[in-house]
Amino acid sequence: ITSRNDGVANYTGSKSYYPPLLDKDESWKLFCKKVFK
């Protein structure tokens, strides 16, 4: 199950997974890779 609502994970008794945030450079590289191929 994926959700943006922590209440869903709590209700199902599942653990939430929070992917680590990217730094400025990583974010920019990913953005360019996805948007501009």
PDB file of all heavy atoms in Angstrom:
ATOM      1  N   ILE A   1       0.850  -1.190   0.000  1.00  0.00           N
ATOM      2  CA  ILE A   1       0.000   0.000   0.000  1.00  0.00           C
ATOM      3  C   ILE A   1       0.884   1.238   0.000  1.00  0.00           C
ATOM      4  O   ILE A   1       1.830   1.313   0.779  1.00  0.00           O
ATOM      5  CB  ILE A   1      -0.910   0.021   1.246  1.00  0.00           C
ATOM      6  CG1 ILE A   1      -1.860  -1.180   1.235  1.00  0.00           C
ATOM      7  CG2 ILE A   1      -1.683   1.325   1.334  1.00  0.00           C
ATOM      8  CD1 ILE A   1      -2.653  -1.339   2.514  1.00  0.00           C
ATOM      9  N   THR A   2       0.571   2.174  -0.886  1.00  0.00           N
ATOM     10  CA  THR A   2       1.225   3.477  -0.824  1.00  0.00           C
ATOM     11  C   THR A   2       0.173   4.516  -0.466  1.00  0.00           C
ATOM     12  O   THR A   2      -0.999   4.389  -0.825  1.00  0.00           O
ATOM     13  CB  THR A   2       1.888   3.872  -2.158  1.00  0.00           C
ATOM     14  OG1 THR A   2       0.888   4.142  -3.130  1.00  0.00           O
ATOM     15  CG2 THR A   2       2.831   2.790  -2.653  1.00  0.00           C
ATOM     16  N   SER A   3       0.616   5.513   0.286  1.00  0.00           N
ATOM     17  CA  SER A   3      -0.281   6.585   0.697  1.00  0.00           C
ATOM     18  C   SER A   3       0.535   7.789   1.108  1.00  0.00           C
ATOM     19  O   SER A   3       1.681   7.656   1.542  1.00  0.00           O
ATOM     20  CB  SER A   3      -1.148   6.129   1.872  1.00  0.00           C
ATOM     21  OG  SER A   3      -2.024   7.163   2.259  1.00  0.00           O
ATOM     22  N   ARG A   4      -0.069   8.936   0.985  1.00  0.00           N
ATOM     23  CA  ARG A   4       0.556  10.172   1.479  1.00  0.00           C
ATOM     24  C   ARG A   4       0.006  10.513   2.853  1.00  0.00           C
ATOM     25  O   ARG A   4       0.382  11.504   3.446  1.00  0.00           O
ATOM     26  CB  ARG A   4       0.261  11.320   0.519  1.00  0.00           C
ATOM     27  CG  ARG A   4       0.801  11.070  -0.862  1.00  0.00           C
ATOM     28  CD  ARG A   4       0.287  12.096  -1.821  1.00  0.00           C
ATOM     29  NE  ARG A   4       0.129  11.492  -3.125  1.00  0.00           N
ATOM     30  CZ  ARG A   4       0.128  12.154  -4.243  1.00  0.00           C
ATOM     31  NH1 ARG A   4       0.252  13.449  -4.233  1.00  0.00           N
ATOM     32  NH2 ARG A   4      -0.015  11.531  -5.376  1.00  0.00           N
ATOM     33  N   ASN A   5      -0.883   9.675   3.348  1.00  0.00           N
ATOM     34  CA  ASN A   5      -1.581   9.920   4.604  1.00  0.00           C
ATOM     35  C   ASN A   5      -1.062   8.936   5.660  1.00  0.00           C
ATOM     36  O   ASN A   5      -1.283   7.723   5.539  1.00  0.00           O
ATOM     37  CB  ASN A   5      -3.083   9.741   4.360  1.00  0.00           C
ATOM     38  CG  ASN A   5      -3.922   9.963   5.586  1.00  0.00           C
ATOM     39  OD1 ASN A   5      -3.447   9.951   6.715  1.00  0.00           O
ATOM     40  ND2 ASN A   5      -5.212  10.156   5.374  1.00  0.00           N
ATOM     41  N   ASP A   6      -0.389   9.444   6.675  1.00  0.00           N
ATOM     42  CA  ASP A   6       0.122   8.575   7.748  1.00  0.00           C
ATOM     43  C   ASP A   6      -0.997   7.791   8.429  1.00  0.00           C
ATOM     44  O   ASP A   6      -0.765   6.707   8.952  1.00  0.00           O
ATOM     45  CB  ASP A   6       0.854   9.395   8.811  1.00  0.00           C
ATOM     46  CG  ASP A   6       2.259   9.748   8.401  1.00  0.00           C
ATOM     47  OD1 ASP A   6       2.810   9.081   7.504  1.00  0.00           O
ATOM     48  OD2 ASP A   6       2.816  10.696   8.985  1.00  0.00           O
ATOM     49  N   GLY A   7      -2.190   8.334   8.415  1.00  0.00           N
ATOM     50  CA  GLY A   7      -3.321   7.653   9.033  1.00  0.00           C
ATOM     51  C   GLY A   7      -3.614   6.306   8.395  1.00  0.00           C
ATOM     52  O   GLY A   7      -4.083   5.384   9.055  1.00  0.00           O
ATOM     53  N   VAL A   8      -3.309   6.165   7.107  1.00  0.00           N
ATOM     54  CA  VAL A   8      -3.528   4.894   6.418  1.00  0.00           C
ATOM     55  C   VAL A   8      -2.581   3.837   6.977  1.00  0.00           C
ATOM     56  O   VAL A   8      -2.985   2.726   7.313  1.00  0.00           O
ATOM     57  CB  VAL A   8      -3.362   5.044   4.887  1.00  0.00           C
ATOM     58  CG1 VAL A   8      -3.435   3.682   4.198  1.00  0.00           C
ATOM     59  CG2 VAL A   8      -4.423   5.970   4.330  1.00  0.00           C
ATOM     60  N   ALA A   9      -1.306   4.172   7.086  1.00  0.00           N
ATOM     61  CA  ALA A   9      -0.325   3.226   7.640  1.00  0.00           C
ATOM     62  C   ALA A   9      -0.675   2.869   9.077  1.00  0.00           C
ATOM     63  O   ALA A   9      -0.619   1.702   9.466  1.00  0.00           O
ATOM     64  CB  ALA A   9       1.079   3.805   7.563  1.00  0.00           C
ATOM     65  N   ASN A  10      -1.045   3.851   9.856  1.00  0.00           N
ATOM     66  CA  ASN A  10      -1.419   3.590  11.245  1.00  0.00           C
ATOM     67  C   ASN A  10      -2.632   2.667  11.323  1.00  0.00           C
ATOM     68  O   ASN A  10      -2.668   1.746  12.137  1.00  0.00           O
ATOM     69  CB  ASN A  10      -1.708   4.897  11.983  1.00  0.00           C
ATOM     70  CG  ASN A  10      -0.477   5.745  12.150  1.00  0.00           C
ATOM     71  OD1 ASN A  10       0.649   5.253  12.140  1.00  0.00           O
ATOM     72  ND2 ASN A  10      -0.667   7.046  12.292  1.00  0.00           N
ATOM     73  N   TYR A  11      -3.612   2.916  10.484  1.00  0.00           N
ATOM     74  CA  TYR A  11      -4.837   2.111  10.483  1.00  0.00           C
ATOM     75  C   TYR A  11      -4.555   0.661  10.096  1.00  0.00           C
ATOM     76  O   TYR A  11      -5.119  -0.261  10.670  1.00  0.00           O
ATOM     77  CB  TYR A  11      -5.867   2.720   9.522  1.00  0.00           C
ATOM     78  CG  TYR A  11      -7.168   1.964   9.507  1.00  0.00           C
ATOM     79  CD1 TYR A  11      -8.132   2.202  10.472  1.00  0.00           C
ATOM     80  CD2 TYR A  11      -7.418   0.995   8.545  1.00  0.00           C
ATOM     81  CE1 TYR A  11      -9.329   1.494  10.474  1.00  0.00           C
ATOM     82  CE2 TYR A  11      -8.609   0.281   8.539  1.00  0.00           C
ATOM     83  CZ  TYR A  11      -9.554   0.536   9.503  1.00  0.00           C
ATOM     84  OH  TYR A  11     -10.728  -0.173   9.506  1.00  0.00           O
ATOM     85  N   THR A  12      -3.680   0.470   9.107  1.00  0.00           N
ATOM     86  CA  THR A  12      -3.401  -0.890   8.638  1.00  0.00           C
ATOM     87  C   THR A  12      -2.430  -1.623   9.546  1.00  0.00           C
ATOM     88  O   THR A  12      -2.228  -2.823   9.394  1.00  0.00           O
ATOM     89  CB  THR A  12      -2.805  -0.878   7.213  1.00  0.00           C
ATOM     90  OG1 THR A  12      -1.544  -0.210   7.243  1.00  0.00           O
ATOM     91  CG2 THR A  12      -3.730  -0.231   6.222  1.00  0.00           C
ATOM     92  N   GLY A  13      -1.813  -0.899  10.488  1.00  0.00           N
ATOM     93  CA  GLY A  13      -0.837  -1.521  11.371  1.00  0.00           C
ATOM     94  C   GLY A  13       0.509  -1.704  10.691  1.00  0.00           C
ATOM     95  O   GLY A  13       1.365  -2.454  11.156  1.00  0.00           O
ATOM     96  N   SER A  14       0.713  -1.012   9.572  1.00  0.00           N
ATOM     97  CA  SER A  14       1.965  -1.099   8.822  1.00  0.00           C
ATOM     98  C   SER A  14       2.946  -0.054   9.306  1.00  0.00           C
ATOM     99  O   SER A  14       2.580   0.903   9.975  1.00  0.00           O
ATOM    100  CB  SER A  14       1.707  -0.870   7.333  1.00  0.00           C
ATOM    101  OG  SER A  14       0.779  -1.795   6.848  1.00  0.00           O
ATOM    102  N   LYS A  15       4.180  -0.248   8.898  1.00  0.00           N
ATOM    103  CA  LYS A  15       5.203   0.741   9.196  1.00  0.00           C
ATOM    104  C   LYS A  15       5.296   1.694   8.013  1.00  0.00           C
ATOM    105  O   LYS A  15       5.211   1.284   6.865  1.00  0.00           O
ATOM    106  CB  LYS A  15       6.555   0.067   9.404  1.00  0.00           C
ATOM    107  CG  LYS A  15       6.604  -0.776  10.644  1.00  0.00           C
ATOM    108  CD  LYS A  15       7.977  -1.384  10.812  1.00  0.00           C
ATOM    109  CE  LYS A  15       8.000  -2.259  12.048  1.00  0.00           C
ATOM    110  NZ  LYS A  15       9.279  -2.947  12.193  1.00  0.00           N
ATOM    111  N   SER A  16       5.491   2.953   8.306  1.00  0.00           N
ATOM    112  CA  SER A  16       5.689   3.936   7.253  1.00  0.00           C
ATOM    113  C   SER A  16       7.144   3.934   6.837  1.00  0.00           C
ATOM    114  O   SER A  16       8.034   3.726   7.648  1.00  0.00           O
ATOM    115  CB  SER A  16       5.323   5.336   7.751  1.00  0.00           C
ATOM    116  OG  SER A  16       3.951   5.409   8.032  1.00  0.00           O
ATOM    117  N   TYR A  17       7.367   4.162   5.554  1.00  0.00           N
ATOM    118  CA  TYR A  17       8.715   4.315   5.031  1.00  0.00           C
ATOM    119  C   TYR A  17       8.813   5.699   4.427  1.00  0.00           C
ATOM    120  O   TYR A  17       8.007   6.072   3.575  1.00  0.00           O
ATOM    121  CB  TYR A  17       9.030   3.258   3.968  1.00  0.00           C
ATOM    122  CG  TYR A  17      10.346   3.503   3.274  1.00  0.00           C
ATOM    123  CD1 TYR A  17      11.548   3.265   3.918  1.00  0.00           C
ATOM    124  CD2 TYR A  17      10.384   4.017   1.986  1.00  0.00           C
ATOM    125  CE1 TYR A  17      12.755   3.520   3.298  1.00  0.00           C
ATOM    126  CE2 TYR A  17      11.587   4.275   1.349  1.00  0.00           C
ATOM    127  CZ  TYR A  17      12.776   4.022   2.009  1.00  0.00           C
ATOM    128  OH  TYR A  17      13.965   4.277   1.405  1.00  0.00           O
ATOM    129  N   TYR A  18       9.770   6.445   4.881  1.00  0.00           N
ATOM    130  CA  TYR A  18       9.984   7.786   4.366  1.00  0.00           C
ATOM    131  C   TYR A  18      11.303   7.797   3.600  1.00  0.00           C
ATOM    132  O   TYR A  18      12.370   7.710   4.212  1.00  0.00           O
ATOM    133  CB  TYR A  18      10.037   8.807   5.502  1.00  0.00           C
ATOM    134  CG  TYR A  18       8.750   8.854   6.292  1.00  0.00           C
ATOM    135  CD1 TYR A  18       8.611   8.141   7.476  1.00  0.00           C
ATOM    136  CD2 TYR A  18       7.673   9.597   5.834  1.00  0.00           C
ATOM    137  CE1 TYR A  18       7.421   8.167   8.189  1.00  0.00           C
ATOM    138  CE2 TYR A  18       6.486   9.633   6.537  1.00  0.00           C
ATOM    139  CZ  TYR A  18       6.371   8.925   7.721  1.00  0.00           C
ATOM    140  OH  TYR A  18       5.194   8.965   8.412  1.00  0.00           O
ATOM    141  N   PRO A  19      11.243   7.879   2.272  1.00  0.00           N
ATOM    142  CA  PRO A  19      12.495   7.918   1.517  1.00  0.00           C
ATOM    143  C   PRO A  19      13.299   9.159   1.901  1.00  0.00           C
ATOM    144  O   PRO A  19      12.716  10.204   2.204  1.00  0.00           O
ATOM    145  CB  PRO A  19      12.052   7.970   0.063  1.00  0.00           C
ATOM    146  CG  PRO A  19      10.595   8.175   0.061  1.00  0.00           C
ATOM    147  CD  PRO A  19      10.077   7.997   1.443  1.00  0.00           C
ATOM    148  N   PRO A  20      14.610   9.034   1.898  1.00  0.00           N
ATOM    149  CA  PRO A  20      15.420  10.197   2.264  1.00  0.00           C
ATOM    150  C   PRO A  20      15.268  11.317   1.239  1.00  0.00           C
ATOM    151  O   PRO A  20      15.084  11.061   0.054  1.00  0.00           O
ATOM    152  CB  PRO A  20      16.846   9.644   2.264  1.00  0.00           C
ATOM    153  CG  PRO A  20      16.794   8.408   1.437  1.00  0.00           C
ATOM    154  CD  PRO A  20      15.402   7.868   1.547  1.00  0.00           C
ATOM    155  N   LEU A  21      15.324  12.538   1.740  1.00  0.00           N
ATOM    156  CA  LEU A  21      15.248  13.686   0.850  1.00  0.00           C
ATOM    157  C   LEU A  21      16.578  13.856   0.118  1.00  0.00           C
ATOM    158  O   LEU A  21      17.624  13.458   0.618  1.00  0.00           O
ATOM    159  CB  LEU A  21      14.919  14.949   1.642  1.00  0.00           C
ATOM    160  CG  LEU A  21      13.559  14.948   2.348  1.00  0.00           C
ATOM    161  CD1 LEU A  21      13.398  16.223   3.167  1.00  0.00           C
ATOM    162  CD2 LEU A  21      12.424  14.810   1.349  1.00  0.00           C
ATOM    163  N   LEU A  22      16.518  14.420  -1.059  1.00  0.00           N
ATOM    164  CA  LEU A  22      17.710  14.648  -1.860  1.00  0.00           C
ATOM    165  C   LEU A  22      18.276  16.042  -1.580  1.00  0.00           C
ATOM    166  O   LEU A  22      17.521  16.964  -1.256  1.00  0.00           O
ATOM    167  CB  LEU A  22      17.363  14.539  -3.348  1.00  0.00           C
ATOM    168  CG  LEU A  22      16.738  13.222  -3.815  1.00  0.00           C
ATOM    169  CD1 LEU A  22      16.372  13.303  -5.290  1.00  0.00           C
ATOM    170  CD2 LEU A  22      17.662  12.052  -3.555  1.00  0.00           C
ATOM    171  N   ASP A  23      19.585  16.187  -1.737  1.00  0.00           N
ATOM    172  CA  ASP A  23      20.161  17.525  -1.610  1.00  0.00           C
ATOM    173  C   ASP A  23      19.911  18.292  -2.918  1.00  0.00           C
ATOM    174  O   ASP A  23      19.351  17.746  -3.875  1.00  0.00           O
ATOM    175  CB  ASP A  23      21.642  17.473  -1.232  1.00  0.00           C
ATOM    176  CG  ASP A  23      22.531  16.873  -2.320  1.00  0.00           C
ATOM    177  OD1 ASP A  23      22.173  16.934  -3.512  1.00  0.00           O
ATOM    178  OD2 ASP A  23      23.604  16.342  -1.966  1.00  0.00           O
ATOM    179  N   LYS A  24      20.351  19.559  -2.970  1.00  0.00           N
ATOM    180  CA  LYS A  24      20.081  20.417  -4.131  1.00  0.00           C
ATOM    181  C   LYS A  24      20.586  19.804  -5.439  1.00  0.00           C
ATOM    182  O   LYS A  24      19.876  19.776  -6.434  1.00  0.00           O
ATOM    183  CB  LYS A  24      20.744  21.779  -3.961  1.00  0.00           C
ATOM    184  CG  LYS A  24      20.088  22.700  -3.001  1.00  0.00           C
ATOM    185  CD  LYS A  24      20.786  24.055  -3.112  1.00  0.00           C
ATOM    186  CE  LYS A  24      20.825  24.763  -1.789  1.00  0.00           C
ATOM    187  NZ  LYS A  24      21.497  26.056  -1.897  1.00  0.00           N
ATOM    188  N   ASP A  25      21.816  19.310  -5.407  1.00  0.00           N
ATOM    189  CA  ASP A  25      22.415  18.763  -6.629  1.00  0.00           C
ATOM    190  C   ASP A  25      21.722  17.486  -7.083  1.00  0.00           C
ATOM    191  O   ASP A  25      21.444  17.296  -8.271  1.00  0.00           O
ATOM    192  CB  ASP A  25      23.917  18.506  -6.428  1.00  0.00           C
ATOM    193  CG  ASP A  25      24.702  19.795  -6.297  1.00  0.00           C
ATOM    194  OD1 ASP A  25      24.253  20.832  -6.841  1.00  0.00           O
ATOM    195  OD2 ASP A  25      25.768  19.772  -5.651  1.00  0.00           O
ATOM    196  N   GLU A  26      21.432  16.607  -6.131  1.00  0.00           N
ATOM    197  CA  GLU A  26      20.740  15.356  -6.477  1.00  0.00           C
ATOM    198  C   GLU A  26      19.348  15.640  -7.035  1.00  0.00           C
ATOM    199  O   GLU A  26      18.915  15.012  -8.002  1.00  0.00           O
ATOM    200  CB  GLU A  26      20.625  14.448  -5.240  1.00  0.00           C
ATOM    201  CG  GLU A  26      21.937  13.893  -4.753  1.00  0.00           C
ATOM    202  CD  GLU A  26      21.795  13.211  -3.404  1.00  0.00           C
ATOM    203  OE1 GLU A  26      21.010  13.685  -2.551  1.00  0.00           O
ATOM    204  OE2 GLU A  26      22.478  12.183  -3.206  1.00  0.00           O
ATOM    205  N   SER A  27      18.658  16.591  -6.415  1.00  0.00           N
ATOM    206  CA  SER A  27      17.319  16.962  -6.884  1.00  0.00           C
ATOM    207  C   SER A  27      17.371  17.494  -8.310  1.00  0.00           C
ATOM    208  O   SER A  27      16.545  17.129  -9.153  1.00  0.00           O
ATOM    209  CB  SER A  27      16.709  18.037  -5.976  1.00  0.00           C
ATOM    210  OG  SER A  27      16.499  17.541  -4.689  1.00  0.00           O
ATOM    211  N   TRP A  28      18.345  18.368  -8.572  1.00  0.00           N
ATOM    212  CA  TRP A  28      18.466  18.968  -9.897  1.00  0.00           C
ATOM    213  C   TRP A  28      18.792  17.902 -10.943  1.00  0.00           C
ATOM    214  O   TRP A  28      18.201  17.880 -12.023  1.00  0.00           O
ATOM    215  CB  TRP A  28      19.517  20.072  -9.885  1.00  0.00           C
ATOM    216  CG  TRP A  28      19.661  20.725 -11.223  1.00  0.00           C
ATOM    217  CD1 TRP A  28      20.736  20.667 -12.059  1.00  0.00           C
ATOM    218  CD2 TRP A  28      18.679  21.497 -11.906  1.00  0.00           C
ATOM    219  NE1 TRP A  28      20.486  21.362 -13.218  1.00  0.00           N
ATOM    220  CE2 TRP A  28      19.222  21.890 -13.148  1.00  0.00           C
ATOM    221  CE3 TRP A  28      17.393  21.910 -11.593  1.00  0.00           C
ATOM    222  CZ2 TRP A  28      18.536  22.664 -14.063  1.00  0.00           C
ATOM    223  CZ3 TRP A  28      16.691  22.681 -12.512  1.00  0.00           C
ATOM    224  CH2 TRP A  28      17.263  23.049 -13.729  1.00  0.00           C
ATOM    225  N   LYS A  29      19.701  16.982 -10.623  1.00  0.00           N
ATOM    226  CA  LYS A  29      20.068  15.929 -11.571  1.00  0.00           C
ATOM    227  C   LYS A  29      18.871  15.036 -11.881  1.00  0.00           C
ATOM    228  O   LYS A  29      18.627  14.681 -13.033  1.00  0.00           O
ATOM    229  CB  LYS A  29      21.221  15.083 -11.008  1.00  0.00           C
ATOM    230  CG  LYS A  29      22.549  15.787 -11.058  1.00  0.00           C
ATOM    231  CD  LYS A  29      23.633  14.935 -10.406  1.00  0.00           C
ATOM    232  CE  LYS A  29      24.921  15.725 -10.282  1.00  0.00           C
ATOM    233  NZ  LYS A  29      25.922  15.012  -9.475  1.00  0.00           N
ATOM    234  N   LEU A  30      18.131  14.670 -10.850  1.00  0.00           N
ATOM    235  CA  LEU A  30      16.950  13.824 -11.057  1.00  0.00           C
ATOM    236  C   LEU A  30      15.904  14.557 -11.896  1.00  0.00           C
ATOM    237  O   LEU A  30      15.321  13.977 -12.825  1.00  0.00           O
ATOM    238  CB  LEU A  30      16.348  13.399  -9.709  1.00  0.00           C
ATOM    239  CG  LEU A  30      15.100  12.541  -9.773  1.00  0.00           C
ATOM    240  CD1 LEU A  30      15.372  11.215 -10.500  1.00  0.00           C
ATOM    241  CD2 LEU A  30      14.560  12.277  -8.371  1.00  0.00           C
ATOM    242  N   PHE A  31      15.668  15.807 -11.592  1.00  0.00           N
ATOM    243  CA  PHE A  31      14.716  16.618 -12.340  1.00  0.00           C
ATOM    244  C   PHE A  31      15.091  16.656 -13.828  1.00  0.00           C
ATOM    245  O   PHE A  31      14.264  16.389 -14.700  1.00  0.00           O
ATOM    246  CB  PHE A  31      14.678  18.029 -11.750  1.00  0.00           C
ATOM    247  CG  PHE A  31      13.806  18.998 -12.497  1.00  0.00           C
ATOM    248  CD1 PHE A  31      12.432  18.969 -12.343  1.00  0.00           C
ATOM    249  CD2 PHE A  31      14.362  19.953 -13.350  1.00  0.00           C
ATOM    250  CE1 PHE A  31      11.616  19.865 -13.022  1.00  0.00           C
ATOM    251  CE2 PHE A  31      13.566  20.853 -14.039  1.00  0.00           C
ATOM    252  CZ  PHE A  31      12.189  20.806 -13.871  1.00  0.00           C
ATOM    253  N   CYS A  32      16.338  16.966 -14.122  1.00  0.00           N
ATOM    254  CA  CYS A  32      16.782  17.051 -15.520  1.00  0.00           C
ATOM    255  C   CYS A  32      16.698  15.694 -16.211  1.00  0.00           C
ATOM    256  O   CYS A  32      16.309  15.601 -17.377  1.00  0.00           O
ATOM    257  CB  CYS A  32      18.208  17.599 -15.593  1.00  0.00           C
ATOM    258  SG  CYS A  32      18.307  19.360 -15.189  1.00  0.00           S
ATOM    259  N   LYS A  33      17.044  14.653 -15.483  1.00  0.00           N
ATOM    260  CA  LYS A  33      16.990  13.300 -16.059  1.00  0.00           C
ATOM    261  C   LYS A  33      15.551  12.947 -16.462  1.00  0.00           C
ATOM    262  O   LYS A  33      15.306  12.405 -17.530  1.00  0.00           O
ATOM    263  CB  LYS A  33      17.524  12.286 -15.046  1.00  0.00           C
ATOM    264  CG  LYS A  33      17.500  10.856 -15.531  1.00  0.00           C
ATOM    265  CD  LYS A  33      18.029   9.926 -14.458  1.00  0.00           C
ATOM    266  CE  LYS A  33      17.890   8.480 -14.880  1.00  0.00           C
ATOM    267  NZ  LYS A  33      18.328   7.566 -13.825  1.00  0.00           N
ATOM    268  N   LYS A  34      14.598  13.257 -15.591  1.00  0.00           N
ATOM    269  CA  LYS A  34      13.201  12.900 -15.850  1.00  0.00           C
ATOM    270  C   LYS A  34      12.531  13.838 -16.854  1.00  0.00           C
ATOM    271  O   LYS A  34      11.825  13.387 -17.750  1.00  0.00           O
ATOM    272  CB  LYS A  34      12.396  12.895 -14.541  1.00  0.00           C
ATOM    273  CG  LYS A  34      12.783  11.809 -13.589  1.00  0.00           C
ATOM    274  CD  LYS A  34      12.413  10.467 -14.144  1.00  0.00           C
ATOM    275  CE  LYS A  34      12.670   9.361 -13.158  1.00  0.00           C
ATOM    276  NZ  LYS A  34      12.311   8.065 -13.679  1.00  0.00           N
ATOM    277  N   VAL A  35      12.731  15.129 -16.688  1.00  0.00           N
ATOM    278  CA  VAL A  35      12.024  16.099 -17.520  1.00  0.00           C
ATOM    279  C   VAL A  35      12.668  16.262 -18.890  1.00  0.00           C
ATOM    280  O   VAL A  35      11.983  16.335 -19.906  1.00  0.00           O
ATOM    281  CB  VAL A  35      11.922  17.468 -16.805  1.00  0.00           C
ATOM    282  CG1 VAL A  35      11.287  18.506 -17.701  1.00  0.00           C
ATOM    283  CG2 VAL A  35      11.117  17.325 -15.519  1.00  0.00           C
ATOM    284  N   PHE A  36      13.984  16.289 -18.913  1.00  0.00           N
ATOM    285  CA  PHE A  36      14.697  16.561 -20.163  1.00  0.00           C
ATOM    286  C   PHE A  36      15.432  15.327 -20.675  1.00  0.00           C
ATOM    287  O   PHE A  36      16.328  15.437 -21.504  1.00  0.00           O
ATOM    288  CB  PHE A  36      15.670  17.732 -19.979  1.00  0.00           C
ATOM    289  CG  PHE A  36      14.985  18.975 -19.467  1.00  0.00           C
ATOM    290  CD1 PHE A  36      15.224  19.421 -18.177  1.00  0.00           C
ATOM    291  CD2 PHE A  36      14.087  19.669 -20.253  1.00  0.00           C
ATOM    292  CE1 PHE A  36      14.585  20.557 -17.694  1.00  0.00           C
ATOM    293  CE2 PHE A  36      13.439  20.796 -19.782  1.00  0.00           C
ATOM    294  CZ  PHE A  36      13.691  21.246 -18.491  1.00  0.00           C
ATOM    295  N   LYS A  37      15.043  14.169 -20.185  1.00  0.00           N
ATOM    296  CA  LYS A  37      15.620  12.885 -20.622  1.00  0.00           C
ATOM    297  C   LYS A  37      17.151  12.896 -20.543  1.00  0.00           C
ATOM    298  O   LYS A  37      17.838  12.402 -21.416  1.00  0.00           O
ATOM    299  CB  LYS A  37      15.175  12.524 -22.042  1.00  0.00           C
ATOM    300  CG  LYS A  37      13.681  12.579 -22.263  1.00  0.00           C
ATOM    301  CD  LYS A  37      12.980  11.483 -21.507  1.00  0.00           C
ATOM    302  CE  LYS A  37      11.512  11.496 -21.858  1.00  0.00           C
ATOM    303  NZ  LYS A  37      10.655  11.267 -20.753  1.00  0.00           N
TER     304      LYS A  37
END
